[in-house]
Amino acid sequence: MTKKHWLVAITKDISPAMNMAFDSIMWNIAKANLDTGILRFYTWKPSGVSLGTNQKPENLVDTDFCKKNNIPVVARITGGSAIFHDKEITYSFSSANDEKFFPGPLSSYEKICGALKSGLKKLGVDVQWRGTSVGREPSLTNRDCFSLSTRHDLVIDGKKIIGSAQRKDRTSFLQHGSLLIDVRQNLWKSIFLQKPDFTKIISLSEILTEVPDFERIVSVLVNGFEEFFDQKFERFEFSTKDIENAKKIERDFILL
């Protein structure tokens, strides 16, 4: 069996549309290099909303409020429902559907969430895999992602702290998700047409007396992936060509 290469990219303060473009480029790299798994951690600047496949802004967010407050709304290539990306760290992961690491349809969710769980434990944060779904498929609802319950959530006492979504094809997959650092409730309530159910949501700021900085959190999460998969992740930078290709498709993701 060909040895698998594991890479990690870290990109801070990227615009919402470019973040979605980079995830698409990442998946293309994984498709072209089936012996490679790519992990990325990133933040959003400005903060923005992403919607799942085929969702429409007018069904989920106050479009006037978003326009007036310069909050972009972008499309994901994955399913799931609306997320306001604000005080959070986002992860994305792309790899081939290989038999050794990701043999079944749910194994990628289970293993990636297992790696995230392993990393968070190093911060003293004990999360659990929810394991069951309640209600309709998130992309078919008009609720925000964190107010919904799906089997792939990572939770603390039943409250979601990481929500994830995925898209798969015959050879490979892309999965990404959001780790909540803090929740600005008034802003969430202004953005979403349906008031979020904050009783179902939790963030690191509610658990830790002092939340580590971005670099520390990413460091322990990368370590969690390395321990869980028993592999070393090498630092990866997008090439000039990758960045050019991302800019070419950036506008495709802009909804508002």
C-alpha atoms as a PDB file:
ATOM      1  CA  MET A   1       0.000   0.000   0.000  1.00  0.00           C
ATOM      2  CA  THR A   2       1.268   3.479  -0.860  1.00  0.00           C
ATOM      3  CA  LYS A   3       2.320   5.457   2.197  1.00  0.00           C
ATOM      4  CA  LYS A   4      -0.179   8.191   3.042  1.00  0.00           C
ATOM      5  CA  HIS A   5       1.009  11.776   3.440  1.00  0.00           C
ATOM      6  CA  TRP A   6      -0.663  13.951   6.069  1.00  0.00           C
ATOM      7  CA  LEU A   7      -0.600  17.734   5.769  1.00  0.00           C
ATOM      8  CA  VAL A   8      -1.895  20.617   7.880  1.00  0.00           C
ATOM      9  CA  ALA A   9      -2.526  24.202   6.764  1.00  0.00           C
ATOM     10  CA  ILE A  10      -3.228  27.085   9.146  1.00  0.00           C
ATOM     11  CA  THR A  11      -4.827  30.237   7.719  1.00  0.00           C
ATOM     12  CA  LYS A  12      -6.067  33.127   9.858  1.00  0.00           C
ATOM     13  CA  ASP A  13      -8.435  35.979   9.054  1.00  0.00           C
ATOM     14  CA  ILE A  14      -9.555  34.929   5.567  1.00  0.00           C
ATOM     15  CA  SER A  15     -12.748  36.278   3.976  1.00  0.00           C
ATOM     16  CA  PRO A  16     -15.803  33.982   4.007  1.00  0.00           C
ATOM     17  CA  ALA A  17     -15.825  33.434   0.229  1.00  0.00           C
ATOM     18  CA  MET A  18     -12.087  32.733   0.102  1.00  0.00           C
ATOM     19  CA  ASN A  19     -12.399  30.271   2.980  1.00  0.00           C
ATOM     20  CA  MET A  20     -14.971  28.316   0.985  1.00  0.00           C
ATOM     21  CA  ALA A  21     -12.788  28.569  -2.129  1.00  0.00           C
ATOM     22  CA  PHE A  22      -9.768  27.240  -0.219  1.00  0.00           C
ATOM     23  CA  ASP A  23     -11.820  24.294   1.045  1.00  0.00           C
ATOM     24  CA  SER A  24     -12.771  23.525  -2.550  1.00  0.00           C
ATOM     25  CA  ILE A  25      -9.117  23.765  -3.642  1.00  0.00           C
ATOM     26  CA  MET A  26      -8.149  21.487  -0.756  1.00  0.00           C
ATOM     27  CA  TRP A  27     -10.606  18.868  -1.925  1.00  0.00           C
ATOM     28  CA  ASN A  28      -9.259  19.144  -5.482  1.00  0.00           C
ATOM     29  CA  ILE A  29      -5.739  18.548  -4.160  1.00  0.00           C
ATOM     30  CA  ALA A  30      -6.924  15.474  -2.263  1.00  0.00           C
ATOM     31  CA  LYS A  31      -8.734  14.166  -5.369  1.00  0.00           C
ATOM     32  CA  ALA A  32      -5.565  14.553  -7.436  1.00  0.00           C
ATOM     33  CA  ASN A  33      -3.372  13.019  -4.720  1.00  0.00           C
ATOM     34  CA  LEU A  34      -5.258  10.072  -3.260  1.00  0.00           C
ATOM     35  CA  ASP A  35      -2.315   9.238  -0.994  1.00  0.00           C
ATOM     36  CA  THR A  36      -2.687  12.603   0.776  1.00  0.00           C
ATOM     37  CA  GLY A  37      -4.880  13.776   3.650  1.00  0.00           C
ATOM     38  CA  ILE A  38      -5.122  17.535   4.246  1.00  0.00           C
ATOM     39  CA  LEU A  39      -6.227  19.233   7.463  1.00  0.00           C
ATOM     40  CA  ARG A  40      -6.805  22.979   7.777  1.00  0.00           C
ATOM     41  CA  PHE A  41      -7.648  25.288  10.665  1.00  0.00           C
ATOM     42  CA  TYR A  42      -8.850  28.801   9.942  1.00  0.00           C
ATOM     43  CA  THR A  43     -10.718  31.905  11.092  1.00  0.00           C
ATOM     44  CA  TRP A  44     -13.027  34.338   9.293  1.00  0.00           C
ATOM     45  CA  LYS A  45     -12.510  38.055   8.653  1.00  0.00           C
ATOM     46  CA  PRO A  46     -14.997  39.567   8.501  1.00  0.00           C
ATOM     47  CA  SER A  47     -17.341  37.281  10.406  1.00  0.00           C
ATOM     48  CA  GLY A  48     -19.883  35.744   8.050  1.00  0.00           C
ATOM     49  CA  VAL A  49     -22.689  33.254   7.565  1.00  0.00           C
ATOM     50  CA  SER A  50     -22.361  30.045   5.571  1.00  0.00           C
ATOM     51  CA  LEU A  51     -25.347  28.075   4.282  1.00  0.00           C
ATOM     52  CA  GLY A  52     -25.627  24.410   3.382  1.00  0.00           C
ATOM     53  CA  THR A  53     -26.126  23.153  -0.161  1.00  0.00           C
ATOM     54  CA  ASN A  54     -29.243  24.601  -1.839  1.00  0.00           C
ATOM     55  CA  GLN A  55     -30.225  26.758   1.158  1.00  0.00           C
ATOM     56  CA  LYS A  56     -31.404  30.297   0.407  1.00  0.00           C
ATOM     57  CA  PRO A  57     -30.417  33.344   2.519  1.00  0.00           C
ATOM     58  CA  GLU A  58     -33.956  34.766   2.635  1.00  0.00           C
ATOM     59  CA  ASN A  59     -35.217  31.604   4.352  1.00  0.00           C
ATOM     60  CA  LEU A  60     -32.685  31.680   7.183  1.00  0.00           C
ATOM     61  CA  VAL A  61     -31.157  35.098   7.800  1.00  0.00           C
ATOM     62  CA  ASP A  62     -32.241  38.720   8.030  1.00  0.00           C
ATOM     63  CA  THR A  63     -30.738  39.825   4.737  1.00  0.00           C
ATOM     64  CA  ASP A  64     -31.244  43.543   5.462  1.00  0.00           C
ATOM     65  CA  PHE A  65     -29.424  43.244   8.785  1.00  0.00           C
ATOM     66  CA  CYS A  66     -26.564  41.321   7.176  1.00  0.00           C
ATOM     67  CA  LYS A  67     -26.208  43.905   4.393  1.00  0.00           C
ATOM     68  CA  LYS A  68     -26.305  46.881   6.781  1.00  0.00           C
ATOM     69  CA  ASN A  69     -23.726  45.301   9.079  1.00  0.00           C
ATOM     70  CA  ASN A  70     -21.410  43.999   6.352  1.00  0.00           C
ATOM     71  CA  ILE A  71     -21.947  40.347   7.258  1.00  0.00           C
ATOM     72  CA  PRO A  72     -21.320  38.280   4.108  1.00  0.00           C
ATOM     73  CA  VAL A  73     -23.417  35.193   3.407  1.00  0.00           C
ATOM     74  CA  VAL A  74     -21.708  32.407   1.469  1.00  0.00           C
ATOM     75  CA  ALA A  75     -22.542  28.942   0.174  1.00  0.00           C
ATOM     76  CA  ARG A  76     -20.834  25.776   1.356  1.00  0.00           C
ATOM     77  CA  ILE A  77     -20.321  22.796  -0.930  1.00  0.00           C
ATOM     78  CA  THR A  78     -21.440  20.582   1.954  1.00  0.00           C
ATOM     79  CA  GLY A  79     -24.834  19.982   3.534  1.00  0.00           C
ATOM     80  CA  GLY A  80     -25.980  21.039   6.981  1.00  0.00           C
ATOM     81  CA  SER A  81     -27.640  24.306   7.916  1.00  0.00           C
ATOM     82  CA  ALA A  82     -26.695  27.940   8.512  1.00  0.00           C
ATOM     83  CA  ILE A  83     -23.732  28.876  10.711  1.00  0.00           C
ATOM     84  CA  PHE A  84     -22.601  32.321  11.823  1.00  0.00           C
ATOM     85  CA  HIS A  85     -18.791  32.100  11.798  1.00  0.00           C
ATOM     86  CA  ASP A  86     -17.689  34.608  14.399  1.00  0.00           C
ATOM     87  CA  LYS A  87     -15.897  33.670  17.616  1.00  0.00           C
ATOM     88  CA  GLU A  88     -14.801  30.230  16.476  1.00  0.00           C
ATOM     89  CA  ILE A  89     -12.065  28.096  14.960  1.00  0.00           C
ATOM     90  CA  THR A  90     -13.073  26.243  11.821  1.00  0.00           C
ATOM     91  CA  TYR A  91     -11.509  22.986  10.680  1.00  0.00           C
ATOM     92  CA  SER A  92     -11.639  21.282   7.303  1.00  0.00           C
ATOM     93  CA  PHE A  93     -10.297  17.892   6.272  1.00  0.00           C
ATOM     94  CA  SER A  94     -10.075  16.196   2.891  1.00  0.00           C
ATOM     95  CA  SER A  95      -8.861  12.729   1.963  1.00  0.00           C
ATOM     96  CA  ALA A  96      -9.461   9.722  -0.242  1.00  0.00           C
ATOM     97  CA  ASN A  97     -12.063   7.158   0.832  1.00  0.00           C
ATOM     98  CA  ASP A  98      -9.301   4.638   1.479  1.00  0.00           C
ATOM     99  CA  GLU A  99      -9.974   1.317   3.179  1.00  0.00           C
ATOM    100  CA  LYS A 100      -7.300   1.693   5.852  1.00  0.00           C
ATOM    101  CA  PHE A 101      -8.354   5.026   7.356  1.00  0.00           C
ATOM    102  CA  PHE A 102     -11.895   5.741   6.128  1.00  0.00           C
ATOM    103  CA  PRO A 103     -13.473   2.429   5.064  1.00  0.00           C
ATOM    104  CA  GLY A 104     -17.187   3.147   5.492  1.00  0.00           C
ATOM    105  CA  PRO A 105     -19.691   5.966   4.931  1.00  0.00           C
ATOM    106  CA  LEU A 106     -19.684   7.076   8.578  1.00  0.00           C
ATOM    107  CA  SER A 107     -16.076   6.279   9.475  1.00  0.00           C
ATOM    108  CA  SER A 108     -14.772   9.650   8.282  1.00  0.00           C
ATOM    109  CA  TYR A 109     -17.178  11.515  10.586  1.00  0.00           C
ATOM    110  CA  GLU A 110     -16.385   9.213  13.499  1.00  0.00           C
ATOM    111  CA  LYS A 111     -12.618   9.368  13.082  1.00  0.00           C
ATOM    112  CA  ILE A 112     -12.305  13.095  12.461  1.00  0.00           C
ATOM    113  CA  CYS A 113     -14.556  13.817  15.437  1.00  0.00           C
ATOM    114  CA  GLY A 114     -12.497  11.323  17.437  1.00  0.00           C
ATOM    115  CA  ALA A 115      -9.348  13.286  16.601  1.00  0.00           C
ATOM    116  CA  LEU A 116     -11.019  16.577  17.585  1.00  0.00           C
ATOM    117  CA  LYS A 117     -12.170  14.985  20.834  1.00  0.00           C
ATOM    118  CA  SER A 118      -8.620  13.815  21.538  1.00  0.00           C
ATOM    119  CA  GLY A 119      -7.251  17.319  20.989  1.00  0.00           C
ATOM    120  CA  LEU A 120      -9.843  19.084  23.138  1.00  0.00           C
ATOM    121  CA  LYS A 121      -9.162  16.672  25.980  1.00  0.00           C
ATOM    122  CA  LYS A 122      -5.675  18.203  26.211  1.00  0.00           C
ATOM    123  CA  LEU A 123      -7.375  21.478  27.153  1.00  0.00           C
ATOM    124  CA  GLY A 124      -9.402  19.710  29.831  1.00  0.00           C
ATOM    125  CA  VAL A 125     -12.523  19.799  27.653  1.00  0.00           C
ATOM    126  CA  ASP A 126     -14.336  16.453  27.534  1.00  0.00           C
ATOM    127  CA  VAL A 127     -16.689  16.244  24.553  1.00  0.00           C
ATOM    128  CA  GLN A 128     -18.882  13.371  23.415  1.00  0.00           C
ATOM    129  CA  TRP A 129     -20.105  12.155  20.009  1.00  0.00           C
ATOM    130  CA  ARG A 130     -23.881  12.654  19.996  1.00  0.00           C
ATOM    131  CA  GLY A 131     -24.508   9.505  17.958  1.00  0.00           C
ATOM    132  CA  THR A 132     -28.187  10.079  17.114  1.00  0.00           C
ATOM    133  CA  SER A 133     -30.091  12.589  14.990  1.00  0.00           C
ATOM    134  CA  VAL A 134     -33.355  14.322  15.899  1.00  0.00           C
ATOM    135  CA  GLY A 135     -35.708  15.893  13.361  1.00  0.00           C
ATOM    136  CA  ARG A 136     -35.272  16.647   9.665  1.00  0.00           C
ATOM    137  CA  GLU A 137     -32.076  16.767   7.636  1.00  0.00           C
ATOM    138  CA  PRO A 138     -30.482  20.132   8.653  1.00  0.00           C
ATOM    139  CA  SER A 139     -30.197  21.446   5.086  1.00  0.00           C
ATOM    140  CA  LEU A 140     -33.993  21.113   4.749  1.00  0.00           C
ATOM    141  CA  THR A 141     -34.756  23.247   7.808  1.00  0.00           C
ATOM    142  CA  ASN A 142     -34.833  26.992   8.442  1.00  0.00           C
ATOM    143  CA  ARG A 143     -32.974  26.717  11.760  1.00  0.00           C
ATOM    144  CA  ASP A 144     -29.340  27.495  12.444  1.00  0.00           C
ATOM    145  CA  CYS A 145     -26.969  24.531  12.648  1.00  0.00           C
ATOM    146  CA  PHE A 146     -26.211  24.807  16.358  1.00  0.00           C
ATOM    147  CA  SER A 147     -29.895  24.691  17.339  1.00  0.00           C
ATOM    148  CA  LEU A 148     -30.235  21.317  15.585  1.00  0.00           C
ATOM    149  CA  SER A 149     -29.210  17.849  16.781  1.00  0.00           C
ATOM    150  CA  THR A 150     -27.388  15.459  14.433  1.00  0.00           C
ATOM    151  CA  ARG A 151     -25.458  12.283  15.117  1.00  0.00           C
ATOM    152  CA  HIS A 152     -22.185  13.893  14.016  1.00  0.00           C
ATOM    153  CA  ASP A 153     -22.229  16.666  16.645  1.00  0.00           C
ATOM    154  CA  LEU A 154     -19.650  16.904  19.396  1.00  0.00           C
ATOM    155  CA  VAL A 155     -21.441  17.862  22.589  1.00  0.00           C
ATOM    156  CA  ILE A 156     -20.968  18.611  26.276  1.00  0.00           C
ATOM    157  CA  ASP A 157     -23.939  17.562  28.414  1.00  0.00           C
ATOM    158  CA  GLY A 158     -25.992  17.390  25.222  1.00  0.00           C
ATOM    159  CA  LYS A 159     -25.055  20.931  24.136  1.00  0.00           C
ATOM    160  CA  LYS A 160     -23.343  21.313  20.765  1.00  0.00           C
ATOM    161  CA  ILE A 161     -19.839  22.773  20.705  1.00  0.00           C
ATOM    162  CA  ILE A 162     -18.757  21.465  17.270  1.00  0.00           C
ATOM    163  CA  GLY A 163     -21.076  21.107  14.290  1.00  0.00           C
ATOM    164  CA  SER A 164     -19.789  19.431  11.118  1.00  0.00           C
ATOM    165  CA  ALA A 165     -20.877  18.856   7.523  1.00  0.00           C
ATOM    166  CA  GLN A 166     -19.494  16.723   4.723  1.00  0.00           C
ATOM    167  CA  ARG A 167     -19.600  16.094   1.009  1.00  0.00           C
ATOM    168  CA  LYS A 168     -18.440  12.855  -0.534  1.00  0.00           C
ATOM    169  CA  ASP A 169     -17.898  11.508  -4.033  1.00  0.00           C
ATOM    170  CA  ARG A 170     -16.741   8.161  -5.391  1.00  0.00           C
ATOM    171  CA  THR A 171     -13.069   8.701  -4.542  1.00  0.00           C
ATOM    172  CA  SER A 172     -12.810  11.260  -1.744  1.00  0.00           C
ATOM    173  CA  PHE A 173     -14.532  13.596   0.707  1.00  0.00           C
ATOM    174  CA  LEU A 174     -14.387  17.028   2.298  1.00  0.00           C
ATOM    175  CA  GLN A 175     -15.551  17.595   5.863  1.00  0.00           C
ATOM    176  CA  HIS A 176     -15.531  20.866   7.758  1.00  0.00           C
ATOM    177  CA  GLY A 177     -16.943  22.159  11.007  1.00  0.00           C
ATOM    178  CA  SER A 178     -16.959  24.903  13.627  1.00  0.00           C
ATOM    179  CA  LEU A 179     -15.609  24.892  17.183  1.00  0.00           C
ATOM    180  CA  LEU A 180     -17.360  27.628  19.170  1.00  0.00           C
ATOM    181  CA  ILE A 181     -15.042  29.834  21.209  1.00  0.00           C
ATOM    182  CA  ASP A 182     -17.759  32.280  22.281  1.00  0.00           C
ATOM    183  CA  VAL A 183     -21.327  33.152  21.278  1.00  0.00           C
ATOM    184  CA  ARG A 184     -22.479  36.753  20.898  1.00  0.00           C
ATOM    185  CA  GLN A 185     -26.129  35.979  21.483  1.00  0.00           C
ATOM    186  CA  ASN A 186     -27.531  39.379  20.526  1.00  0.00           C
ATOM    187  CA  LEU A 187     -25.793  39.183  17.166  1.00  0.00           C
ATOM    188  CA  TRP A 188     -26.989  35.614  16.547  1.00  0.00           C
ATOM    189  CA  LYS A 189     -30.566  36.688  17.363  1.00  0.00           C
ATOM    190  CA  SER A 190     -30.324  39.597  14.920  1.00  0.00           C
ATOM    191  CA  ILE A 191     -28.897  37.485  12.097  1.00  0.00           C
ATOM    192  CA  PHE A 192     -31.132  34.413  12.156  1.00  0.00           C
ATOM    193  CA  LEU A 193     -34.833  34.692  11.321  1.00  0.00           C
ATOM    194  CA  GLN A 194     -35.646  31.998  13.877  1.00  0.00           C
ATOM    195  CA  LYS A 195     -34.231  32.698  17.312  1.00  0.00           C
ATOM    196  CA  PRO A 196     -31.410  30.241  18.069  1.00  0.00           C
ATOM    197  CA  ASP A 197     -32.019  27.791  20.903  1.00  0.00           C
ATOM    198  CA  PHE A 198     -29.143  28.753  23.176  1.00  0.00           C
ATOM    199  CA  THR A 199     -30.042  25.969  25.625  1.00  0.00           C
ATOM    200  CA  LYS A 200     -28.613  23.560  23.018  1.00  0.00           C
ATOM    201  CA  ILE A 201     -25.378  25.483  22.454  1.00  0.00           C
ATOM    202  CA  ILE A 202     -22.137  25.760  24.432  1.00  0.00           C
ATOM    203  CA  SER A 203     -18.733  27.357  23.780  1.00  0.00           C
ATOM    204  CA  LEU A 204     -15.216  27.136  25.206  1.00  0.00           C
ATOM    205  CA  SER A 205     -15.678  30.450  27.030  1.00  0.00           C
ATOM    206  CA  GLU A 206     -18.454  28.851  29.110  1.00  0.00           C
ATOM    207  CA  ILE A 207     -16.252  25.910  30.094  1.00  0.00           C
ATOM    208  CA  LEU A 208     -12.769  27.334  30.600  1.00  0.00           C
ATOM    209  CA  THR A 209     -11.923  30.142  33.015  1.00  0.00           C
ATOM    210  CA  GLU A 210      -9.301  31.307  30.521  1.00  0.00           C
ATOM    211  CA  VAL A 211      -9.621  30.419  26.833  1.00  0.00           C
ATOM    212  CA  PRO A 212      -6.239  29.788  25.161  1.00  0.00           C
ATOM    213  CA  ASP A 213      -5.301  31.765  22.060  1.00  0.00           C
ATOM    214  CA  PHE A 214      -5.748  30.520  18.496  1.00  0.00           C
ATOM    215  CA  GLU A 215      -2.217  29.137  18.243  1.00  0.00           C
ATOM    216  CA  ARG A 216      -2.534  27.085  21.437  1.00  0.00           C
ATOM    217  CA  ILE A 217      -5.926  25.640  20.514  1.00  0.00           C
ATOM    218  CA  VAL A 218      -4.778  24.721  17.007  1.00  0.00           C
ATOM    219  CA  SER A 219      -1.598  23.176  18.402  1.00  0.00           C
ATOM    220  CA  VAL A 220      -3.494  20.786  20.684  1.00  0.00           C
ATOM    221  CA  LEU A 221      -5.996  19.954  17.942  1.00  0.00           C
ATOM    222  CA  VAL A 222      -3.205  19.072  15.495  1.00  0.00           C
ATOM    223  CA  ASN A 223      -1.638  16.969  18.240  1.00  0.00           C
ATOM    224  CA  GLY A 224      -4.993  15.259  18.726  1.00  0.00           C
ATOM    225  CA  PHE A 225      -5.109  14.327  15.029  1.00  0.00           C
ATOM    226  CA  GLU A 226      -1.535  13.047  15.137  1.00  0.00           C
ATOM    227  CA  GLU A 227      -2.215  10.880  18.169  1.00  0.00           C
ATOM    228  CA  PHE A 228      -5.579   9.594  16.947  1.00  0.00           C
ATOM    229  CA  PHE A 229      -4.293   8.603  13.494  1.00  0.00           C
ATOM    230  CA  ASP A 230      -0.779   7.774  14.743  1.00  0.00           C
ATOM    231  CA  GLN A 231       0.646   9.904  11.933  1.00  0.00           C
ATOM    232  CA  LYS A 232       2.777  13.033  11.684  1.00  0.00           C
ATOM    233  CA  PHE A 233       1.092  16.003   9.987  1.00  0.00           C
ATOM    234  CA  GLU A 234       3.532  18.148   7.996  1.00  0.00           C
ATOM    235  CA  ARG A 235       2.961  21.889   7.657  1.00  0.00           C
ATOM    236  CA  PHE A 236       1.446  22.821   4.297  1.00  0.00           C
ATOM    237  CA  GLU A 237       1.161  26.195   2.573  1.00  0.00           C
ATOM    238  CA  PHE A 238      -1.117  26.898  -0.372  1.00  0.00           C
ATOM    239  CA  SER A 239       0.973  27.555  -3.480  1.00  0.00           C
ATOM    240  CA  THR A 240       0.736  30.705  -5.586  1.00  0.00           C
ATOM    241  CA  LYS A 241      -1.203  28.634  -8.132  1.00  0.00           C
ATOM    242  CA  ASP A 242      -3.588  27.379  -5.423  1.00  0.00           C
ATOM    243  CA  ILE A 243      -4.273  30.957  -4.330  1.00  0.00           C
ATOM    244  CA  GLU A 244      -4.844  32.067  -7.935  1.00  0.00           C
ATOM    245  CA  ASN A 245      -7.273  29.182  -8.458  1.00  0.00           C
ATOM    246  CA  ALA A 246      -9.102  30.051  -5.232  1.00  0.00           C
ATOM    247  CA  LYS A 247      -9.503  33.666  -6.350  1.00  0.00           C
ATOM    248  CA  LYS A 248     -10.962  32.489  -9.676  1.00  0.00           C
ATOM    249  CA  ILE A 249     -13.802  30.653  -7.935  1.00  0.00           C
ATOM    250  CA  GLU A 250     -14.241  32.962  -4.917  1.00  0.00           C
ATOM    251  CA  ARG A 251     -17.295  34.731  -6.382  1.00  0.00           C
ATOM    252  CA  ASP A 252     -19.067  31.408  -6.920  1.00  0.00           C
ATOM    253  CA  PHE A 253     -19.624  31.148  -3.166  1.00  0.00           C
ATOM    254  CA  ILE A 254     -21.031  34.643  -2.551  1.00  0.00           C
ATOM    255  CA  LEU A 255     -24.778  34.695  -1.827  1.00  0.00           C
ATOM    256  CA  LEU A 256     -25.068  38.101  -0.161  1.00  0.00           C
END
